PDB file of N, CA and C in Angstrom:
ATOM      1  N   THR A   1      14.506   2.333 -18.850  1.00  0.00           N
ATOM      2  CA  THR A   1      13.896   1.299 -18.725  1.00  0.00           C
ATOM      3  C   THR A   1      13.677   0.434 -17.167  1.00  0.00           C
ATOM      4  N   LEU A   2      12.449  -0.381 -16.608  1.00  0.00           N
ATOM      5  CA  LEU A   2      13.699  -1.420 -15.852  1.00  0.00           C
ATOM      6  C   LEU A   2      12.979  -3.316 -16.459  1.00  0.00           C
ATOM      7  N   SER A   3      14.512  -3.672 -16.936  1.00  0.00           N
ATOM      8  CA  SER A   3      13.972  -4.944 -16.746  1.00  0.00           C
ATOM      9  C   SER A   3      13.426  -6.015 -16.466  1.00  0.00           C
ATOM     10  N   ILE A   4      13.110  -7.042 -16.982  1.00  0.00           N
ATOM     11  CA  ILE A   4      12.403  -7.627 -15.810  1.00  0.00           C
ATOM     12  C   ILE A   4      12.918  -8.196 -14.938  1.00  0.00           C
ATOM     13  N   ILE A   5      13.674  -8.806 -14.418  1.00  0.00           N
ATOM     14  CA  ILE A   5      14.332  -9.110 -14.018  1.00  0.00           C
ATOM     15  C   ILE A   5      14.406  -8.513 -12.712  1.00  0.00           C
ATOM     16  N   GLU A   6      14.676  -7.050 -12.791  1.00  0.00           N
ATOM     17  CA  GLU A   6      14.776  -5.574 -11.997  1.00  0.00           C
ATOM     18  C   GLU A   6      13.238  -5.674 -11.813  1.00  0.00           C
ATOM     19  N   GLU A   7      12.153  -6.104 -12.722  1.00  0.00           N
ATOM     20  CA  GLU A   7      11.039  -5.990 -12.364  1.00  0.00           C
ATOM     21  C   GLU A   7      10.652  -6.138 -11.056  1.00  0.00           C
ATOM     22  N   ARG A   8      10.710  -7.837 -11.412  1.00  0.00           N
ATOM     23  CA  ARG A   8      10.664  -8.571  -9.792  1.00  0.00           C
ATOM     24  C   ARG A   8      11.197  -9.041  -8.153  1.00  0.00           C
ATOM     25  N   GLU A   9      12.415  -7.965  -8.668  1.00  0.00           N
ATOM     26  CA  GLU A   9      13.291  -7.518  -7.219  1.00  0.00           C
ATOM     27  C   GLU A   9      12.708  -7.127  -6.860  1.00  0.00           C
ATOM     28  N   LEU A  10      11.792  -5.989  -7.641  1.00  0.00           N
ATOM     29  CA  LEU A  10      10.819  -3.885  -7.278  1.00  0.00           C
ATOM     30  C   LEU A  10       9.872  -4.699  -6.463  1.00  0.00           C
ATOM     31  N   LEU A  11       8.987  -6.387  -7.309  1.00  0.00           N
ATOM     32  CA  LEU A  11       8.288  -7.002  -6.824  1.00  0.00           C
ATOM     33  C   LEU A  11       8.614  -7.043  -5.553  1.00  0.00           C
ATOM     34  N   ASP A  12       9.950  -8.214  -5.214  1.00  0.00           N
ATOM     35  CA  ASP A  12       9.818  -9.129  -4.271  1.00  0.00           C
ATOM     36  C   ASP A  12      10.426  -7.765  -2.643  1.00  0.00           C
ATOM     37  N   THR A  13      10.884  -7.461  -2.987  1.00  0.00           N
ATOM     38  CA  THR A  13      11.482  -5.948  -2.312  1.00  0.00           C
ATOM     39  C   THR A  13       9.543  -5.400  -1.814  1.00  0.00           C
ATOM     40  N   LEU A  14       9.069  -4.729  -2.540  1.00  0.00           N
ATOM     41  CA  LEU A  14       7.887  -4.356  -2.004  1.00  0.00           C
ATOM     42  C   LEU A  14       6.588  -5.244  -1.520  1.00  0.00           C
ATOM     43  N   ILE A  15       7.066  -6.584  -2.041  1.00  0.00           N
ATOM     44  CA  ILE A  15       6.066  -6.817  -0.585  1.00  0.00           C
ATOM     45  C   ILE A  15       6.477  -7.507   0.488  1.00  0.00           C
ATOM     46  N   SER A  16       8.490  -7.473   0.302  1.00  0.00           N
ATOM     47  CA  SER A  16       8.181  -7.683   1.872  1.00  0.00           C
ATOM     48  C   SER A  16       8.090  -6.687   2.741  1.00  0.00           C
ATOM     49  N   LYS A  17       8.147  -5.289   2.037  1.00  0.00           N
ATOM     50  CA  LYS A  17       8.407  -4.554   3.313  1.00  0.00           C
ATOM     51  C   LYS A  17       7.310  -4.412   3.564  1.00  0.00           C
ATOM     52  N   LEU A  18       6.229  -4.416   2.222  1.00  0.00           N
ATOM     53  CA  LEU A  18       4.595  -4.477   3.060  1.00  0.00           C
ATOM     54  C   LEU A  18       4.297  -5.054   4.760  1.00  0.00           C
ATOM     55  N   ASP A  19       5.127  -5.880   4.385  1.00  0.00           N
ATOM     56  CA  ASP A  19       5.422  -6.130   6.846  1.00  0.00           C
ATOM     57  C   ASP A  19       5.131  -5.258   7.088  1.00  0.00           C
ATOM     58  N   MET A  20       6.300  -4.478   7.108  1.00  0.00           N
ATOM     59  CA  MET A  20       6.809  -3.148   7.486  1.00  0.00           C
ATOM     60  C   MET A  20       5.391  -2.447   8.421  1.00  0.00           C
ATOM     61  N   LEU A  21       4.601  -2.180   7.137  1.00  0.00           N
ATOM     62  CA  LEU A  21       3.512  -1.427   7.268  1.00  0.00           C
ATOM     63  C   LEU A  21       2.444  -1.309   8.531  1.00  0.00           C
ATOM     64  N   ASP A  22       2.138  -0.232   9.303  1.00  0.00           N
ATOM     65  CA  ASP A  22       0.646  -0.938  10.360  1.00  0.00           C
ATOM     66  C   ASP A  22      -0.597  -1.684   9.737  1.00  0.00           C
ATOM     67  N   PRO A  23      -0.938  -2.839  10.493  1.00  0.00           N
ATOM     68  CA  PRO A  23      -2.073  -3.553   9.607  1.00  0.00           C
ATOM     69  C   PRO A  23      -2.958  -3.017   9.266  1.00  0.00           C
ATOM     70  N   ASP A  24      -3.150  -1.586   9.539  1.00  0.00           N
ATOM     71  CA  ASP A  24      -4.577  -1.115   8.456  1.00  0.00           C
ATOM     72  C   ASP A  24      -3.435  -0.108   7.508  1.00  0.00           C
ATOM     73  N   GLY A  25      -2.376   0.064   7.151  1.00  0.00           N
ATOM     74  CA  GLY A  25      -1.988   0.394   5.800  1.00  0.00           C
ATOM     75  C   GLY A  25      -1.862  -1.013   4.742  1.00  0.00           C
ATOM     76  N   ARG A  26      -1.646  -1.904   5.987  1.00  0.00           N
ATOM     77  CA  ARG A  26      -1.012  -3.233   5.058  1.00  0.00           C
ATOM     78  C   ARG A  26      -2.064  -3.529   4.121  1.00  0.00           C
ATOM     79  N   ARG A  27      -3.212  -3.166   5.103  1.00  0.00           N
ATOM     80  CA  ARG A  27      -4.527  -4.232   4.378  1.00  0.00           C
ATOM     81  C   ARG A  27      -5.116  -2.490   3.392  1.00  0.00           C
ATOM     82  N   ILE A  28      -5.014  -2.236   3.295  1.00  0.00           N
ATOM     83  CA  ILE A  28      -5.512  -0.674   2.292  1.00  0.00           C
ATOM     84  C   ILE A  28      -4.662  -1.289   1.431  1.00  0.00           C
ATOM     85  N   CYS A  29      -3.691  -1.069   1.668  1.00  0.00           N
ATOM     86  CA  CYS A  29      -2.167  -1.462   0.309  1.00  0.00           C
ATOM     87  C   CYS A  29      -3.037  -2.772  -0.775  1.00  0.00           C
ATOM     88  N   GLU A  30      -3.496  -3.754  -0.195  1.00  0.00           N
ATOM     89  CA  GLU A  30      -3.388  -4.745  -0.297  1.00  0.00           C
ATOM     90  C   GLU A  30      -4.765  -4.336  -0.986  1.00  0.00           C
ATOM     91  N   LEU A  31      -6.355  -4.189  -0.482  1.00  0.00           N
ATOM     92  CA  LEU A  31      -7.649  -3.754  -1.652  1.00  0.00           C
ATOM     93  C   LEU A  31      -7.384  -2.977  -1.820  1.00  0.00           C
ATOM     94  N   LEU A  32      -6.265  -1.912  -2.884  1.00  0.00           N
ATOM     95  CA  LEU A  32      -5.796  -0.648  -3.897  1.00  0.00           C
ATOM     96  C   LEU A  32      -5.278  -1.906  -4.262  1.00  0.00           C
ATOM     97  N   LEU A  33      -4.504  -3.035  -4.432  1.00  0.00           N
ATOM     98  CA  LEU A  33      -4.156  -3.835  -5.301  1.00  0.00           C
ATOM     99  C   LEU A  33      -5.580  -4.085  -6.284  1.00  0.00           C
ATOM    100  N   GLN A  34      -5.835  -4.757  -5.764  1.00  0.00           N
ATOM    101  CA  GLN A  34      -7.270  -5.316  -5.755  1.00  0.00           C
ATOM    102  C   GLN A  34      -7.914  -4.221  -6.361  1.00  0.00           C
ATOM    103  N   GLU A  35      -7.920  -3.303  -6.518  1.00  0.00           N
ATOM    104  CA  GLU A  35      -7.935  -2.127  -7.193  1.00  0.00           C
ATOM    105  C   GLU A  35      -9.482  -1.973  -6.903  1.00  0.00           C
ATOM    106  N   LYS A  36     -10.158  -1.629  -5.530  1.00  0.00           N
ATOM    107  CA  LYS A  36     -11.542  -1.535  -4.412  1.00  0.00           C
ATOM    108  C   LYS A  36     -11.042   0.271  -4.019  1.00  0.00           C
ATOM    109  N   SER A  37     -12.080   0.445  -4.115  1.00  0.00           N
ATOM    110  CA  SER A  37     -12.373   2.395  -4.156  1.00  0.00           C
ATOM    111  C   SER A  37     -12.249   2.834  -2.600  1.00  0.00           C
ATOM    112  N   GLU A  38     -12.020   3.574  -2.711  1.00  0.00           N
ATOM    113  CA  GLU A  38     -12.031   4.445  -0.986  1.00  0.00           C
ATOM    114  C   GLU A  38     -13.206   3.466   0.047  1.00  0.00           C
ATOM    115  N   ARG A  39     -14.225   3.561  -1.103  1.00  0.00           N
ATOM    116  CA  ARG A  39     -15.256   3.587  -0.800  1.00  0.00           C
ATOM    117  C   ARG A  39     -15.859   2.049  -0.117  1.00  0.00           C
ATOM    118  N   GLU A  40     -15.432   0.754  -0.569  1.00  0.00           N
ATOM    119  CA  GLU A  40     -15.341  -0.084  -0.819  1.00  0.00           C
ATOM    120  C   GLU A  40     -14.512  -0.603  -0.157  1.00  0.00           C
ATOM    121  N   ILE A  41     -12.916   0.131   0.635  1.00  0.00           N
ATOM    122  CA  ILE A  41     -12.487  -0.339   1.469  1.00  0.00           C
ATOM    123  C   ILE A  41     -13.004  -0.399   2.921  1.00  0.00           C
ATOM    124  N   ALA A  42     -13.692   1.208   2.711  1.00  0.00           N
ATOM    125  CA  ALA A  42     -14.335   1.655   4.267  1.00  0.00           C
ATOM    126  C   ALA A  42     -15.511   0.474   4.887  1.00  0.00           C
ATOM    127  N   ALA A  43     -15.647   0.460   3.842  1.00  0.00           N
ATOM    128  CA  ALA A  43     -16.068  -0.761   3.945  1.00  0.00           C
ATOM    129  C   ALA A  43     -16.645  -1.954   4.717  1.00  0.00           C
ATOM    130  N   ILE A  44     -15.432  -2.614   3.939  1.00  0.00           N
ATOM    131  CA  ILE A  44     -14.342  -3.434   4.024  1.00  0.00           C
ATOM    132  C   ILE A  44     -13.829  -3.915   5.290  1.00  0.00           C
ATOM    133  N   LEU A  45     -13.458  -2.507   6.252  1.00  0.00           N
ATOM    134  CA  LEU A  45     -12.527  -2.764   7.094  1.00  0.00           C
ATOM    135  C   LEU A  45     -13.722  -1.791   8.156  1.00  0.00           C
ATOM    136  N   GLY A  46     -14.818  -1.664   8.257  1.00  0.00           N
ATOM    137  CA  GLY A  46     -15.495  -0.878   8.395  1.00  0.00           C
ATOM    138  C   GLY A  46     -15.866   0.422   9.245  1.00  0.00           C
ATOM    139  N   ILE A  47     -15.097   0.597   8.993  1.00  0.00           N
ATOM    140  CA  ILE A  47     -14.553   2.304   8.654  1.00  0.00           C
ATOM    141  C   ILE A  47     -16.306   3.190   8.521  1.00  0.00           C
ATOM    142  N   SER A  48     -16.776   4.003   8.878  1.00  0.00           N
ATOM    143  CA  SER A  48     -18.214   4.513   8.658  1.00  0.00           C
ATOM    144  C   SER A  48     -17.590   6.519   7.709  1.00  0.00           C
ATOM    145  N   ARG A  49     -16.027   6.581   7.576  1.00  0.00           N
ATOM    146  CA  ARG A  49     -15.755   7.604   6.643  1.00  0.00           C
ATOM    147  C   ARG A  49     -14.948   7.809   5.471  1.00  0.00           C
ATOM    148  N   GLN A  50     -14.956   7.988   4.721  1.00  0.00           N
ATOM    149  CA  GLN A  50     -14.086   7.736   3.149  1.00  0.00           C
ATOM    150  C   GLN A  50     -12.858   8.343   3.880  1.00  0.00           C
ATOM    151  N   SER A  51     -12.756   9.657   4.264  1.00  0.00           N
ATOM    152  CA  SER A  51     -12.279  10.405   4.378  1.00  0.00           C
ATOM    153  C   SER A  51     -10.537   9.493   5.438  1.00  0.00           C
ATOM    154  N   THR A  52     -11.287   8.792   6.511  1.00  0.00           N
ATOM    155  CA  THR A  52     -10.371   7.826   6.960  1.00  0.00           C
ATOM    156  C   THR A  52      -9.389   6.976   6.347  1.00  0.00           C
ATOM    157  N   ILE A  53     -10.427   6.325   5.667  1.00  0.00           N
ATOM    158  CA  ILE A  53      -9.598   5.762   4.573  1.00  0.00           C
ATOM    159  C   ILE A  53      -8.533   6.041   3.738  1.00  0.00           C
ATOM    160  N   ASN A  54      -9.150   8.114   3.751  1.00  0.00           N
ATOM    161  CA  ASN A  54      -7.987   8.429   2.921  1.00  0.00           C
ATOM    162  C   ASN A  54      -7.105   8.996   3.594  1.00  0.00           C
ATOM    163  N   TYR A  55      -6.742   9.414   4.440  1.00  0.00           N
ATOM    164  CA  TYR A  55      -5.399   9.278   5.925  1.00  0.00           C
ATOM    165  C   TYR A  55      -5.334   8.309   5.356  1.00  0.00           C
ATOM    166  N   LYS A  56      -5.326   7.430   6.212  1.00  0.00           N
ATOM    167  CA  LYS A  56      -4.956   6.436   6.050  1.00  0.00           C
ATOM    168  C   LYS A  56      -3.950   5.574   4.736  1.00  0.00           C
ATOM    169  N   LYS A  57      -4.583   5.792   3.358  1.00  0.00           N
ATOM    170  CA  LYS A  57      -3.734   5.200   2.923  1.00  0.00           C
ATOM    171  C   LYS A  57      -2.999   6.450   2.567  1.00  0.00           C
ATOM    172  N   LYS A  58      -2.526   8.083   2.596  1.00  0.00           N
ATOM    173  CA  LYS A  58      -1.707   8.876   2.367  1.00  0.00           C
ATOM    174  C   LYS A  58      -0.912   8.070   3.951  1.00  0.00           C
ATOM    175  N   LYS A  59      -0.893   8.596   4.942  1.00  0.00           N
ATOM    176  CA  LYS A  59       0.224   7.263   5.541  1.00  0.00           C
ATOM    177  C   LYS A  59       0.951   6.386   4.971  1.00  0.00           C
ATOM    178  N   ALA A  60       0.319   5.479   4.714  1.00  0.00           N
ATOM    179  CA  ALA A  60       0.479   4.392   4.278  1.00  0.00           C
ATOM    180  C   ALA A  60       1.258   4.419   3.259  1.00  0.00           C
ATOM    181  N   PHE A  61       0.800   5.447   2.040  1.00  0.00           N
ATOM    182  CA  PHE A  61       1.939   5.811   1.173  1.00  0.00           C
ATOM    183  C   PHE A  61       3.061   6.212   1.055  1.00  0.00           C
ATOM    184  N   GLU A  62       3.346   7.280   2.067  1.00  0.00           N
ATOM    185  CA  GLU A  62       4.707   7.867   3.303  1.00  0.00           C
ATOM    186  C   GLU A  62       5.193   6.561   3.522  1.00  0.00           C
ATOM    187  N   ALA A  63       4.637   6.098   3.980  1.00  0.00           N
ATOM    188  CA  ALA A  63       5.717   4.857   4.810  1.00  0.00           C
ATOM    189  C   ALA A  63       6.664   4.451   3.496  1.00  0.00           C
ATOM    190  N   LEU A  64       5.981   3.934   2.183  1.00  0.00           N
ATOM    191  CA  LEU A  64       6.732   2.873   2.051  1.00  0.00           C
ATOM    192  C   LEU A  64       7.727   3.955   1.196  1.00  0.00           C
ATOM    193  N   ARG A  65       7.120   4.970   0.631  1.00  0.00           N
ATOM    194  CA  ARG A  65       7.981   5.591   0.415  1.00  0.00           C
ATOM    195  C   ARG A  65       8.898   5.392   0.513  1.00  0.00           C
ATOM    196  N   GLU A  66       9.203   6.079   2.101  1.00  0.00           N
ATOM    197  CA  GLU A  66      10.720   5.977   3.017  1.00  0.00           C
ATOM    198  C   GLU A  66      10.985   4.832   3.131  1.00  0.00           C
ATOM    199  N   ILE A  67      10.011   3.309   3.034  1.00  0.00           N
ATOM    200  CA  ILE A  67      10.981   2.513   3.330  1.00  0.00           C
ATOM    201  C   ILE A  67      11.591   2.321   1.706  1.00  0.00           C
ATOM    202  N   LEU A  68      10.441   2.728   0.896  1.00  0.00           N
ATOM    203  CA  LEU A  68      12.105   1.654  -1.152  1.00  0.00           C
ATOM    204  C   LEU A  68      12.183   3.251  -1.639  1.00  0.00           C
ATOM    205  N   ARG A  69      12.113   3.844  -0.558  1.00  0.00           N
ATOM    206  CA  ARG A  69      13.854   5.552  -0.951  1.00  0.00           C
ATOM    207  C   ARG A  69      14.857   5.478  -1.261  1.00  0.00           C
ATOM    208  N   ASP A  70      15.153   3.992  -0.912  1.00  0.00           N
ATOM    209  CA  ASP A  70      16.296   3.389  -2.017  1.00  0.00           C
ATOM    210  C   ASP A  70      16.022   2.594  -3.533  1.00  0.00           C
ATOM    211  N   TYR A  71      14.283   1.758  -3.261  1.00  0.00           N
ATOM    212  CA  TYR A  71      14.671   1.212  -4.580  1.00  0.00           C
ATOM    213  C   TYR A  71      14.008   2.378  -5.912  1.00  0.00           C
ATOM    214  N   ILE A  72      13.393   3.019  -5.265  1.00  0.00           N
ATOM    215  CA  ILE A  72      12.076   3.640  -6.652  1.00  0.00           C
ATOM    216  C   ILE A  72      12.997   5.765  -6.119  1.00  0.00           C
TER     217      ILE A  72
END
C-alpha cells in the first residue's frame, strides 16, 4: 500500500497531468470525479450521444495511463 505522502504525490501528479489532456478529456475526467454519469456529462457538454462521451472517456483514460505510466 501507498503511504500518505506517496498518495499525495500521486494525486498532485495526476492533477498536474490532467492539464496535458485535450479540453474535453480534462472536463470529462473532472465530471467523473464529481461522480457524474456519462448521460449527465453528455448533457453538460451539450453532446447528444452518450457513446461519444464513452469514446472520449476511453481516449482520455488511455492518455492518462500513458502520461502516468511511471507512477502506476
